Amino acid sequence: MVKCEVPNPLTLLLGVQIPDQSSEPHPSFGLWIPTRRDETMKWLGEDVSVCFQIRSCHKFLRHPLTPRFTIMTVPGPSLFTLRDTSQKVVRCHHKRLVASPQTANARPEKISVVPNQFMDPSHFPIIMGVDGGTRCLSCGTSAQPTLMLEDKKIMDLYKNSREAKRFTFTCSTTGSTHRFESVAFPGWYLSTSPRNDQPLRVTNRLGEAEITNFYFKKV
């Protein structure tokens, strides 16, 4: 038995597929998981609580092919929370997302997440929404990006390639944190202010005052 750690919660949305007849789906998640005998599969991310074992891992990959990422079909959104590296949680306040210290009255918003199935999955393209996925995070349609919540159902965007772009962010990792870049406005990233209770926004100034790294945890 080989113990395989899957700390990245995004692997519940994005699978890995090997064009090899000897590959088999993992029974718990339906993911195609390539591995070699006596190796441990490790994925990027924070949530190290998800561990499982795979039967006969050595027969999953019989030749040195590079894995090809593919997006799974999802029946509905998964739920995540966002917390910046100064420990402020992203929550909904007066119909907008703000970053605040967590208290009994300021709990993290449960964010609905689906993949953008029409984009290159190797960059982990995702769409995020709140209020049960009835309002989704968008960078708008102006020349300059403005982060907003639009009244769009997340599963409608999941099925609609024409509308999904402005709602899509690619997800990259830096250590145990994640960074979210707008697809419609490359070079602009989700960010929070160093001050408390300020709106979630986007910035193109990495490494300056705005905080652009988040802990992204599956609920």
Protein backbone atom coordinates (compact mmCIF):
# COMPACT_ATOMS: atom_id res chain seq x y z
CA MET A 1 0.00 0.00 0.00
CA VAL A 2 1.24 3.47 -0.85
CA LYS A 3 -0.07 6.37 1.17
CA CYS A 4 -0.91 9.32 -1.07
CA GLU A 5 -1.34 12.78 0.34
CA VAL A 6 -3.66 15.13 -1.54
CA PRO A 7 -3.32 18.45 0.28
CA ASN A 8 -4.62 20.58 -2.56
CA PRO A 9 -8.41 20.86 -2.29
CA LEU A 10 -8.57 21.82 -5.95
CA THR A 11 -7.81 18.23 -6.90
CA LEU A 12 -11.40 17.47 -5.95
CA LEU A 13 -12.33 19.64 -8.96
CA LEU A 14 -9.41 19.00 -11.30
CA GLY A 15 -8.28 15.46 -12.04
CA VAL A 16 -5.16 14.10 -13.65
CA GLN A 17 -5.55 11.75 -16.57
CA ILE A 18 -2.92 9.52 -18.10
CA PRO A 19 -3.40 8.26 -21.68
CA ASP A 20 -2.54 4.74 -20.56
CA GLN A 21 -4.84 1.75 -20.56
CA SER A 22 -3.35 0.51 -17.28
CA SER A 23 -4.59 3.56 -15.38
CA GLU A 24 -7.55 3.17 -13.04
CA PRO A 25 -9.82 5.73 -11.35
CA HIS A 26 -9.41 6.21 -7.62
CA PRO A 27 -12.56 4.75 -6.02
CA SER A 28 -13.10 7.62 -3.56
CA PHE A 29 -12.85 10.63 -5.84
CA GLY A 30 -13.14 9.31 -9.40
CA LEU A 31 -9.78 10.97 -10.15
CA TRP A 32 -7.19 9.46 -12.44
CA ILE A 33 -4.09 9.37 -10.26
CA PRO A 34 -0.74 8.44 -11.83
CA THR A 35 2.03 7.19 -9.57
CA ARG A 36 5.03 4.90 -9.51
CA ARG A 37 5.69 2.09 -7.07
CA ASP A 38 7.08 3.25 -3.71
CA GLU A 39 6.50 6.92 -4.56
CA THR A 40 4.24 9.30 -2.65
CA MET A 41 1.93 11.57 -4.62
CA LYS A 42 2.07 15.08 -3.20
CA TRP A 43 -0.06 17.93 -4.44
CA LEU A 44 0.32 21.67 -3.94
CA GLY A 45 -1.76 23.41 -1.29
CA GLU A 46 -2.66 23.81 2.33
CA ASP A 47 -5.26 21.24 3.28
CA VAL A 48 -3.13 18.30 4.40
CA SER A 49 -6.03 16.56 6.09
CA VAL A 50 -7.05 14.59 2.99
CA CYS A 51 -5.05 11.35 2.91
CA PHE A 52 -5.95 8.01 1.40
CA GLN A 53 -4.42 4.82 0.18
CA ILE A 54 -4.46 3.39 -3.31
CA ARG A 55 -4.46 -0.29 -4.12
CA SER A 56 -1.69 -1.54 -6.41
CA CYS A 57 -0.29 1.92 -7.13
CA HIS A 58 2.59 0.42 -9.11
CA LYS A 59 0.33 -0.51 -12.02
CA PHE A 60 -1.16 2.95 -12.45
CA LEU A 61 1.77 4.13 -14.57
CA ARG A 62 3.89 1.71 -16.55
CA HIS A 63 5.85 4.16 -18.68
CA PRO A 64 7.32 7.64 -18.11
CA LEU A 65 4.52 9.73 -19.59
CA THR A 66 3.94 13.27 -18.42
CA PRO A 67 0.51 13.59 -16.75
CA ARG A 68 -2.12 15.48 -18.70
CA PHE A 69 -4.51 17.50 -16.56
CA THR A 70 -8.19 17.28 -17.35
CA ILE A 71 -11.19 18.88 -15.67
CA MET A 72 -13.80 16.62 -14.17
CA THR A 73 -17.51 17.10 -14.66
CA VAL A 74 -18.93 18.42 -11.41
CA PRO A 75 -22.59 18.12 -10.34
CA GLY A 76 -22.39 21.29 -8.25
CA PRO A 77 -19.97 23.71 -6.59
CA SER A 78 -17.61 22.82 -3.76
CA LEU A 79 -17.33 25.14 -0.75
CA PHE A 80 -14.14 26.90 0.34
CA THR A 81 -13.05 29.68 2.68
CA LEU A 82 -10.48 32.40 2.00
CA ARG A 83 -8.12 33.86 4.58
CA ASP A 84 -5.27 36.24 3.76
CA THR A 85 -1.77 35.92 5.17
CA SER A 86 -2.48 38.54 7.84
CA GLN A 87 -5.19 36.18 9.13
CA LYS A 88 -8.15 38.25 7.95
CA VAL A 89 -11.07 36.17 6.68
CA VAL A 90 -13.05 37.05 3.56
CA ARG A 91 -16.69 37.52 4.51
CA CYS A 92 -19.85 39.03 3.09
CA HIS A 93 -20.82 42.41 4.56
CA HIS A 94 -23.55 44.64 3.11
CA LYS A 95 -23.59 42.61 -0.11
CA ARG A 96 -19.86 42.88 -0.76
CA LEU A 97 -16.82 40.85 0.20
CA VAL A 98 -14.53 42.35 2.83
CA ALA A 99 -11.52 41.06 4.78
CA SER A 100 -11.86 41.20 8.56
CA PRO A 101 -10.30 39.62 11.63
CA GLN A 102 -12.34 36.53 12.48
CA THR A 103 -14.70 36.95 15.43
CA ALA A 104 -17.98 35.41 16.55
CA ASN A 105 -19.76 38.00 14.38
CA ALA A 106 -17.30 37.92 11.49
CA ARG A 107 -17.09 34.39 10.15
CA PRO A 108 -15.55 33.46 6.81
CA GLU A 109 -17.90 33.33 3.85
CA LYS A 110 -18.49 29.90 2.34
CA ILE A 111 -17.40 30.44 -1.24
CA SER A 112 -18.86 28.25 -3.98
CA VAL A 113 -16.22 27.09 -6.46
CA VAL A 114 -16.39 25.32 -9.82
CA PRO A 115 -13.73 24.88 -12.50
CA ASN A 116 -13.91 26.70 -15.81
CA GLN A 117 -14.19 23.62 -18.00
CA PHE A 118 -13.46 25.54 -21.21
CA MET A 119 -9.94 26.67 -20.28
CA ASP A 120 -6.50 25.09 -19.96
CA PRO A 121 -6.88 23.07 -16.75
CA SER A 122 -3.16 23.05 -15.94
CA HIS A 123 -3.56 26.60 -14.53
CA PHE A 124 -6.47 25.60 -12.26
CA PRO A 125 -9.07 28.03 -13.68
CA ILE A 126 -11.93 28.50 -11.22
CA ILE A 127 -15.13 30.51 -10.83
CA MET A 128 -16.12 31.70 -7.35
CA GLY A 129 -19.53 32.69 -6.00
CA VAL A 130 -21.37 33.48 -2.78
CA ASP A 131 -24.93 33.16 -1.49
CA GLY A 132 -25.15 29.56 -2.59
CA GLY A 133 -23.55 30.37 -5.94
CA THR A 134 -26.19 32.91 -6.97
CA ARG A 135 -23.74 35.84 -7.11
CA CYS A 136 -20.29 35.42 -8.65
CA LEU A 137 -17.00 37.26 -8.40
CA SER A 138 -16.24 39.23 -11.57
CA CYS A 139 -13.67 41.74 -12.78
CA GLY A 140 -16.29 43.55 -14.85
CA THR A 141 -16.25 44.62 -18.49
CA SER A 142 -14.58 48.04 -18.30
CA ALA A 143 -11.10 48.82 -19.59
CA GLN A 144 -9.79 48.71 -16.00
CA PRO A 145 -10.78 45.76 -13.79
CA THR A 146 -13.17 46.41 -10.93
CA LEU A 147 -13.92 43.52 -8.63
CA MET A 148 -17.65 43.05 -8.08
CA LEU A 149 -20.31 40.48 -7.31
CA GLU A 150 -22.64 39.95 -10.25
CA ASP A 151 -26.04 38.31 -10.08
CA LYS A 152 -25.04 35.24 -12.07
CA LYS A 153 -25.61 31.63 -11.08
CA ILE A 154 -22.35 29.76 -10.84
CA MET A 155 -23.63 26.62 -12.56
CA ASP A 156 -24.90 28.71 -15.48
CA LEU A 157 -21.37 30.12 -15.86
CA TYR A 158 -19.94 26.63 -15.56
CA LYS A 159 -21.92 25.66 -18.67
CA ASN A 160 -21.42 28.90 -20.64
CA SER A 161 -18.01 29.50 -22.22
CA ARG A 162 -18.87 32.96 -23.60
CA GLU A 163 -19.76 34.53 -20.27
CA ALA A 164 -17.36 32.70 -17.98
CA LYS A 165 -14.11 34.52 -18.81
CA ARG A 166 -14.57 37.66 -16.67
CA PHE A 167 -15.57 35.45 -13.73
CA THR A 168 -12.54 33.17 -14.01
CA PHE A 169 -9.33 33.25 -11.97
CA THR A 170 -6.33 30.99 -12.33
CA CYS A 171 -4.98 29.59 -9.09
CA SER A 172 -1.25 29.29 -8.38
CA THR A 173 0.53 28.32 -5.19
CA THR A 174 3.32 29.95 -3.21
CA GLY A 175 4.30 27.64 -0.39
CA SER A 176 1.09 26.88 1.50
CA THR A 177 -0.83 29.84 0.07
CA HIS A 178 -2.73 30.49 -3.14
CA ARG A 179 -2.77 33.46 -5.51
CA PHE A 180 -5.68 34.21 -7.86
CA GLU A 181 -5.09 35.95 -11.20
CA SER A 182 -7.87 37.33 -13.36
CA VAL A 183 -8.17 35.62 -16.73
CA ALA A 184 -9.89 38.63 -18.33
CA PHE A 185 -7.20 40.97 -16.98
CA PRO A 186 -3.86 39.13 -16.84
CA GLY A 187 -1.48 40.51 -14.24
CA TRP A 188 -4.30 41.54 -11.88
CA TYR A 189 -4.70 39.50 -8.69
CA LEU A 190 -7.25 39.18 -5.90
CA SER A 191 -6.03 41.25 -2.96
CA THR A 192 -6.90 42.62 0.45
CA SER A 193 -5.89 45.83 2.17
CA PRO A 194 -3.56 45.75 5.19
CA ARG A 195 -6.40 47.55 7.01
CA ASN A 196 -9.35 45.70 8.48
CA ASP A 197 -12.85 45.55 7.00
CA GLN A 198 -11.83 46.79 3.55
CA PRO A 199 -13.35 45.37 0.35
CA LEU A 200 -11.76 42.52 -1.54
CA ARG A 201 -10.27 43.97 -4.73
CA VAL A 202 -7.72 43.32 -7.48
CA THR A 203 -4.24 44.77 -7.85
CA ASN A 204 -1.44 44.64 -10.41
CA ARG A 205 1.21 45.61 -7.84
CA LEU A 206 2.57 42.40 -6.42
CA GLY A 207 4.85 42.63 -3.42
CA GLU A 208 3.67 46.05 -2.33
CA ALA A 209 1.10 47.03 0.32
CA GLU A 210 -1.78 44.90 -0.94
CA ILE A 211 -1.95 41.29 0.27
CA THR A 212 -2.26 38.85 -2.63
CA ASN A 213 -1.67 35.48 -0.97
CA PHE A 214 -4.50 33.51 0.61
CA TYR A 215 -5.11 30.30 2.48
CA PHE A 216 -7.76 28.49 0.44
CA LYS A 217 -9.41 25.75 2.47
CA LYS A 218 -12.16 23.34 1.49
CA VAL A 219 -15.07 23.36 3.93
